[in-house]
Amino acid sequence: MMMKHKIAALISTNFLALAVYAAPAEMMEYYNNPHSAPKVTECKNNIHCNAFVALSKQWKSIPDNYRYHGSYNIKHDAAVGDGYGLNKGFSLCSDKSESLYNAGEEFFYGGGGKGKQKERIFAQGMAVLLYIEDTQKTSCQ
């Protein structure tokens, strides 16, 4: 009887390790249709900047147990505003992500010269972009 419980525990643990993540619909709406994002004064009518800000506000939707490429806690980096680590450590693959990233970098990071508050927005947006690409299985060629 004890062996059955051990096997059941092992099977359930393996299923948890193989969890499938999916980006929430609101995230994907802003990602796929930047025009749908609310306008942000600071973005000066740049639709990709508006979408980047809208995406940055979705960082809390990244599951707590999610790890980018299996080991990196990008949600934590977003929470602490580590734009430098997210920018330096990871690459984006899709043209959509690159367009959004470029606007976020220009308006909220500027190579690290925009200040801590703006770097936090950048970090949160970058984490969401990485999460979307990973959950959509966008691969770099």
C-alpha atoms as a PDB file:
ATOM      1  CA  MET A   1       0.000   0.000   0.000  1.00  0.00           C
ATOM      2  CA  MET A   2       2.839   2.388   0.856  1.00  0.00           C
ATOM      3  CA  MET A   3       4.394   1.832  -2.584  1.00  0.00           C
ATOM      4  CA  LYS A   4       1.175   3.003  -4.315  1.00  0.00           C
ATOM      5  CA  HIS A   5       1.313   6.291  -2.389  1.00  0.00           C
ATOM      6  CA  LYS A   6       4.958   6.827  -3.323  1.00  0.00           C
ATOM      7  CA  ILE A   7       4.220   6.161  -6.989  1.00  0.00           C
ATOM      8  CA  ALA A   8       1.213   8.498  -6.928  1.00  0.00           C
ATOM      9  CA  ALA A   9       3.307  11.223  -5.289  1.00  0.00           C
ATOM     10  CA  LEU A  10       6.060  10.771  -7.859  1.00  0.00           C
ATOM     11  CA  ILE A  11       3.606  10.957 -10.755  1.00  0.00           C
ATOM     12  CA  SER A  12       1.917  14.102  -9.413  1.00  0.00           C
ATOM     13  CA  THR A  13       5.310  15.743  -8.850  1.00  0.00           C
ATOM     14  CA  ASN A  14       6.294  15.007 -12.436  1.00  0.00           C
ATOM     15  CA  PHE A  15       3.053  16.531 -13.731  1.00  0.00           C
ATOM     16  CA  LEU A  16       3.763  19.704 -11.759  1.00  0.00           C
ATOM     17  CA  ALA A  17       7.237  19.884 -13.261  1.00  0.00           C
ATOM     18  CA  LEU A  18       5.711  19.670 -16.731  1.00  0.00           C
ATOM     19  CA  ALA A  19       3.229  22.493 -16.163  1.00  0.00           C
ATOM     20  CA  VAL A  20       2.125  24.210 -19.332  1.00  0.00           C
ATOM     21  CA  TYR A  21       1.922  27.977 -19.201  1.00  0.00           C
ATOM     22  CA  ALA A  22      -0.158  30.207 -21.415  1.00  0.00           C
ATOM     23  CA  ALA A  23      -0.089  33.977 -21.665  1.00  0.00           C
ATOM     24  CA  PRO A  24      -3.373  35.562 -20.526  1.00  0.00           C
ATOM     25  CA  ALA A  25      -5.691  36.921 -23.234  1.00  0.00           C
ATOM     26  CA  GLU A  26      -5.187  40.558 -22.179  1.00  0.00           C
ATOM     27  CA  MET A  27      -1.424  40.185 -22.566  1.00  0.00           C
ATOM     28  CA  MET A  28      -1.838  38.710 -26.001  1.00  0.00           C
ATOM     29  CA  GLU A  29      -4.328  41.416 -27.028  1.00  0.00           C
ATOM     30  CA  TYR A  30      -1.764  44.180 -26.416  1.00  0.00           C
ATOM     31  CA  TYR A  31       1.033  42.082 -27.911  1.00  0.00           C
ATOM     32  CA  ASN A  32      -0.846  41.208 -31.098  1.00  0.00           C
ATOM     33  CA  ASN A  33      -2.667  44.520 -31.469  1.00  0.00           C
ATOM     34  CA  PRO A  34      -0.619  47.417 -30.026  1.00  0.00           C
ATOM     35  CA  HIS A  35      -3.325  49.860 -31.213  1.00  0.00           C
ATOM     36  CA  SER A  36      -5.644  48.445 -28.530  1.00  0.00           C
ATOM     37  CA  ALA A  37      -3.432  49.686 -25.671  1.00  0.00           C
ATOM     38  CA  PRO A  38      -4.494  52.770 -23.720  1.00  0.00           C
ATOM     39  CA  LYS A  39      -2.580  55.920 -24.614  1.00  0.00           C
ATOM     40  CA  VAL A  40       0.148  57.000 -22.229  1.00  0.00           C
ATOM     41  CA  THR A  41       1.143  60.676 -22.290  1.00  0.00           C
ATOM     42  CA  GLU A  42       4.805  59.869 -21.801  1.00  0.00           C
ATOM     43  CA  CYS A  43       4.784  57.724 -24.970  1.00  0.00           C
ATOM     44  CA  LYS A  44       4.054  60.753 -27.168  1.00  0.00           C
ATOM     45  CA  ASN A  45       1.597  58.873 -29.423  1.00  0.00           C
ATOM     46  CA  ASN A  46       3.990  55.956 -30.019  1.00  0.00           C
ATOM     47  CA  ILE A  47       1.650  52.945 -30.221  1.00  0.00           C
ATOM     48  CA  HIS A  48       4.421  50.454 -29.440  1.00  0.00           C
ATOM     49  CA  CYS A  49       5.328  52.410 -26.332  1.00  0.00           C
ATOM     50  CA  ASN A  50       1.667  52.445 -25.250  1.00  0.00           C
ATOM     51  CA  ALA A  51       1.503  48.666 -25.750  1.00  0.00           C
ATOM     52  CA  PHE A  52       4.785  48.179 -23.870  1.00  0.00           C
ATOM     53  CA  VAL A  53       3.363  50.069 -20.876  1.00  0.00           C
ATOM     54  CA  ALA A  54       0.122  48.057 -21.033  1.00  0.00           C
ATOM     55  CA  LEU A  55       2.162  44.846 -21.137  1.00  0.00           C
ATOM     56  CA  SER A  56       4.364  45.991 -18.255  1.00  0.00           C
ATOM     57  CA  LYS A  57       1.246  46.204 -16.090  1.00  0.00           C
ATOM     58  CA  GLN A  58       0.610  42.499 -16.758  1.00  0.00           C
ATOM     59  CA  TRP A  59       3.805  41.275 -15.047  1.00  0.00           C
ATOM     60  CA  LYS A  60       1.896  40.013 -12.007  1.00  0.00           C
ATOM     61  CA  SER A  61       0.063  37.590 -14.330  1.00  0.00           C
ATOM     62  CA  ILE A  62       3.288  35.626 -14.776  1.00  0.00           C
ATOM     63  CA  PRO A  63       2.792  32.556 -12.529  1.00  0.00           C
ATOM     64  CA  ASP A  64       4.899  32.590  -9.360  1.00  0.00           C
ATOM     65  CA  ASN A  65       6.360  29.169 -10.145  1.00  0.00           C
ATOM     66  CA  TYR A  66       7.191  30.014 -13.771  1.00  0.00           C
ATOM     67  CA  ARG A  67      10.883  29.921 -14.691  1.00  0.00           C
ATOM     68  CA  TYR A  68      12.075  31.317 -18.018  1.00  0.00           C
ATOM     69  CA  HIS A  69      13.934  28.562 -19.872  1.00  0.00           C
ATOM     70  CA  GLY A  70      13.348  26.391 -16.814  1.00  0.00           C
ATOM     71  CA  SER A  71      15.528  28.259 -14.332  1.00  0.00           C
ATOM     72  CA  TYR A  72      15.341  32.074 -14.441  1.00  0.00           C
ATOM     73  CA  ASN A  73      12.880  33.864 -12.175  1.00  0.00           C
ATOM     74  CA  ILE A  74      12.027  36.782 -14.450  1.00  0.00           C
ATOM     75  CA  LYS A  75       8.962  37.637 -12.342  1.00  0.00           C
ATOM     76  CA  HIS A  76      11.286  38.413  -9.444  1.00  0.00           C
ATOM     77  CA  ASP A  77      13.446  40.578 -11.725  1.00  0.00           C
ATOM     78  CA  ALA A  78      10.306  42.459 -12.788  1.00  0.00           C
ATOM     79  CA  ALA A  79       9.229  42.907  -9.154  1.00  0.00           C
ATOM     80  CA  VAL A  80      12.556  44.452  -8.149  1.00  0.00           C
ATOM     81  CA  GLY A  81      12.851  46.488 -11.351  1.00  0.00           C
ATOM     82  CA  ASP A  82      16.022  44.837 -12.651  1.00  0.00           C
ATOM     83  CA  GLY A  83      15.892  46.171 -16.190  1.00  0.00           C
ATOM     84  CA  TYR A  84      19.638  45.815 -16.530  1.00  0.00           C
ATOM     85  CA  GLY A  85      19.601  42.077 -15.770  1.00  0.00           C
ATOM     86  CA  LEU A  86      16.655  41.367 -18.058  1.00  0.00           C
ATOM     87  CA  ASN A  87      18.117  43.483 -20.856  1.00  0.00           C
ATOM     88  CA  LYS A  88      21.633  42.097 -20.562  1.00  0.00           C
ATOM     89  CA  GLY A  89      20.742  38.484 -19.908  1.00  0.00           C
ATOM     90  CA  PHE A  90      18.138  37.607 -22.521  1.00  0.00           C
ATOM     91  CA  SER A  91      17.281  38.139 -26.175  1.00  0.00           C
ATOM     92  CA  LEU A  92      13.983  38.505 -27.983  1.00  0.00           C
ATOM     93  CA  CYS A  93      13.290  36.684 -31.223  1.00  0.00           C
ATOM     94  CA  SER A  94      10.167  37.963 -32.938  1.00  0.00           C
ATOM     95  CA  ASP A  95       9.721  41.192 -34.862  1.00  0.00           C
ATOM     96  CA  LYS A  96       6.662  42.023 -32.715  1.00  0.00           C
ATOM     97  CA  SER A  97       8.669  41.659 -29.536  1.00  0.00           C
ATOM     98  CA  GLU A  98      11.551  43.672 -30.964  1.00  0.00           C
ATOM     99  CA  SER A  99       9.246  46.569 -31.931  1.00  0.00           C
ATOM    100  CA  LEU A 100       7.737  46.654 -28.461  1.00  0.00           C
ATOM    101  CA  TYR A 101      11.141  46.284 -26.814  1.00  0.00           C
ATOM    102  CA  ASN A 102      12.637  49.133 -28.874  1.00  0.00           C
ATOM    103  CA  ALA A 103       9.886  51.504 -27.761  1.00  0.00           C
ATOM    104  CA  GLY A 104      10.228  50.405 -24.135  1.00  0.00           C
ATOM    105  CA  GLU A 105      13.979  50.814 -24.235  1.00  0.00           C
ATOM    106  CA  GLU A 106      13.755  54.275 -25.783  1.00  0.00           C
ATOM    107  CA  PHE A 107      11.154  55.708 -23.418  1.00  0.00           C
ATOM    108  CA  PHE A 108      11.852  53.814 -20.179  1.00  0.00           C
ATOM    109  CA  TYR A 109      15.405  52.509 -20.115  1.00  0.00           C
ATOM    110  CA  GLY A 110      17.746  54.413 -22.416  1.00  0.00           C
ATOM    111  CA  GLY A 111      20.704  52.168 -21.636  1.00  0.00           C
ATOM    112  CA  GLY A 112      19.987  52.538 -17.928  1.00  0.00           C
ATOM    113  CA  GLY A 113      19.894  56.321 -17.955  1.00  0.00           C
ATOM    114  CA  LYS A 114      16.167  56.934 -17.395  1.00  0.00           C
ATOM    115  CA  GLY A 115      16.062  56.430 -13.613  1.00  0.00           C
ATOM    116  CA  LYS A 116      14.805  53.693 -11.285  1.00  0.00           C
ATOM    117  CA  GLN A 117      11.050  54.308 -11.713  1.00  0.00           C
ATOM    118  CA  LYS A 118      11.247  54.056 -15.471  1.00  0.00           C
ATOM    119  CA  GLU A 119      13.660  51.120 -15.286  1.00  0.00           C
ATOM    120  CA  ARG A 120      11.020  49.259 -13.246  1.00  0.00           C
ATOM    121  CA  ILE A 121       8.479  49.765 -16.068  1.00  0.00           C
ATOM    122  CA  PHE A 122      11.095  48.563 -18.542  1.00  0.00           C
ATOM    123  CA  ALA A 123      11.900  45.475 -16.439  1.00  0.00           C
ATOM    124  CA  GLN A 124       8.239  44.587 -16.074  1.00  0.00           C
ATOM    125  CA  GLY A 125       7.587  44.977 -19.794  1.00  0.00           C
ATOM    126  CA  MET A 126      10.695  43.007 -20.705  1.00  0.00           C
ATOM    127  CA  ALA A 127       9.688  40.154 -18.378  1.00  0.00           C
ATOM    128  CA  VAL A 128       6.257  40.000 -20.019  1.00  0.00           C
ATOM    129  CA  LEU A 129       7.776  39.949 -23.511  1.00  0.00           C
ATOM    130  CA  LEU A 130      10.098  37.105 -22.514  1.00  0.00           C
ATOM    131  CA  TYR A 131       7.179  35.243 -20.943  1.00  0.00           C
ATOM    132  CA  ILE A 132       5.034  35.664 -24.052  1.00  0.00           C
ATOM    133  CA  GLU A 133       7.783  34.474 -26.372  1.00  0.00           C
ATOM    134  CA  ASP A 134       8.535  31.471 -24.172  1.00  0.00           C
ATOM    135  CA  THR A 135       4.893  30.448 -23.783  1.00  0.00           C
ATOM    136  CA  GLN A 136       4.252  30.953 -27.499  1.00  0.00           C
ATOM    137  CA  LYS A 137       7.389  28.911 -28.245  1.00  0.00           C
ATOM    138  CA  THR A 138       8.955  31.639 -30.362  1.00  0.00           C
ATOM    139  CA  SER A 139      12.406  30.325 -31.209  1.00  0.00           C
ATOM    140  CA  CYS A 140      15.459  32.307 -32.195  1.00  0.00           C
ATOM    141  CA  GLN A 141      17.030  31.101 -35.409  1.00  0.00           C
END
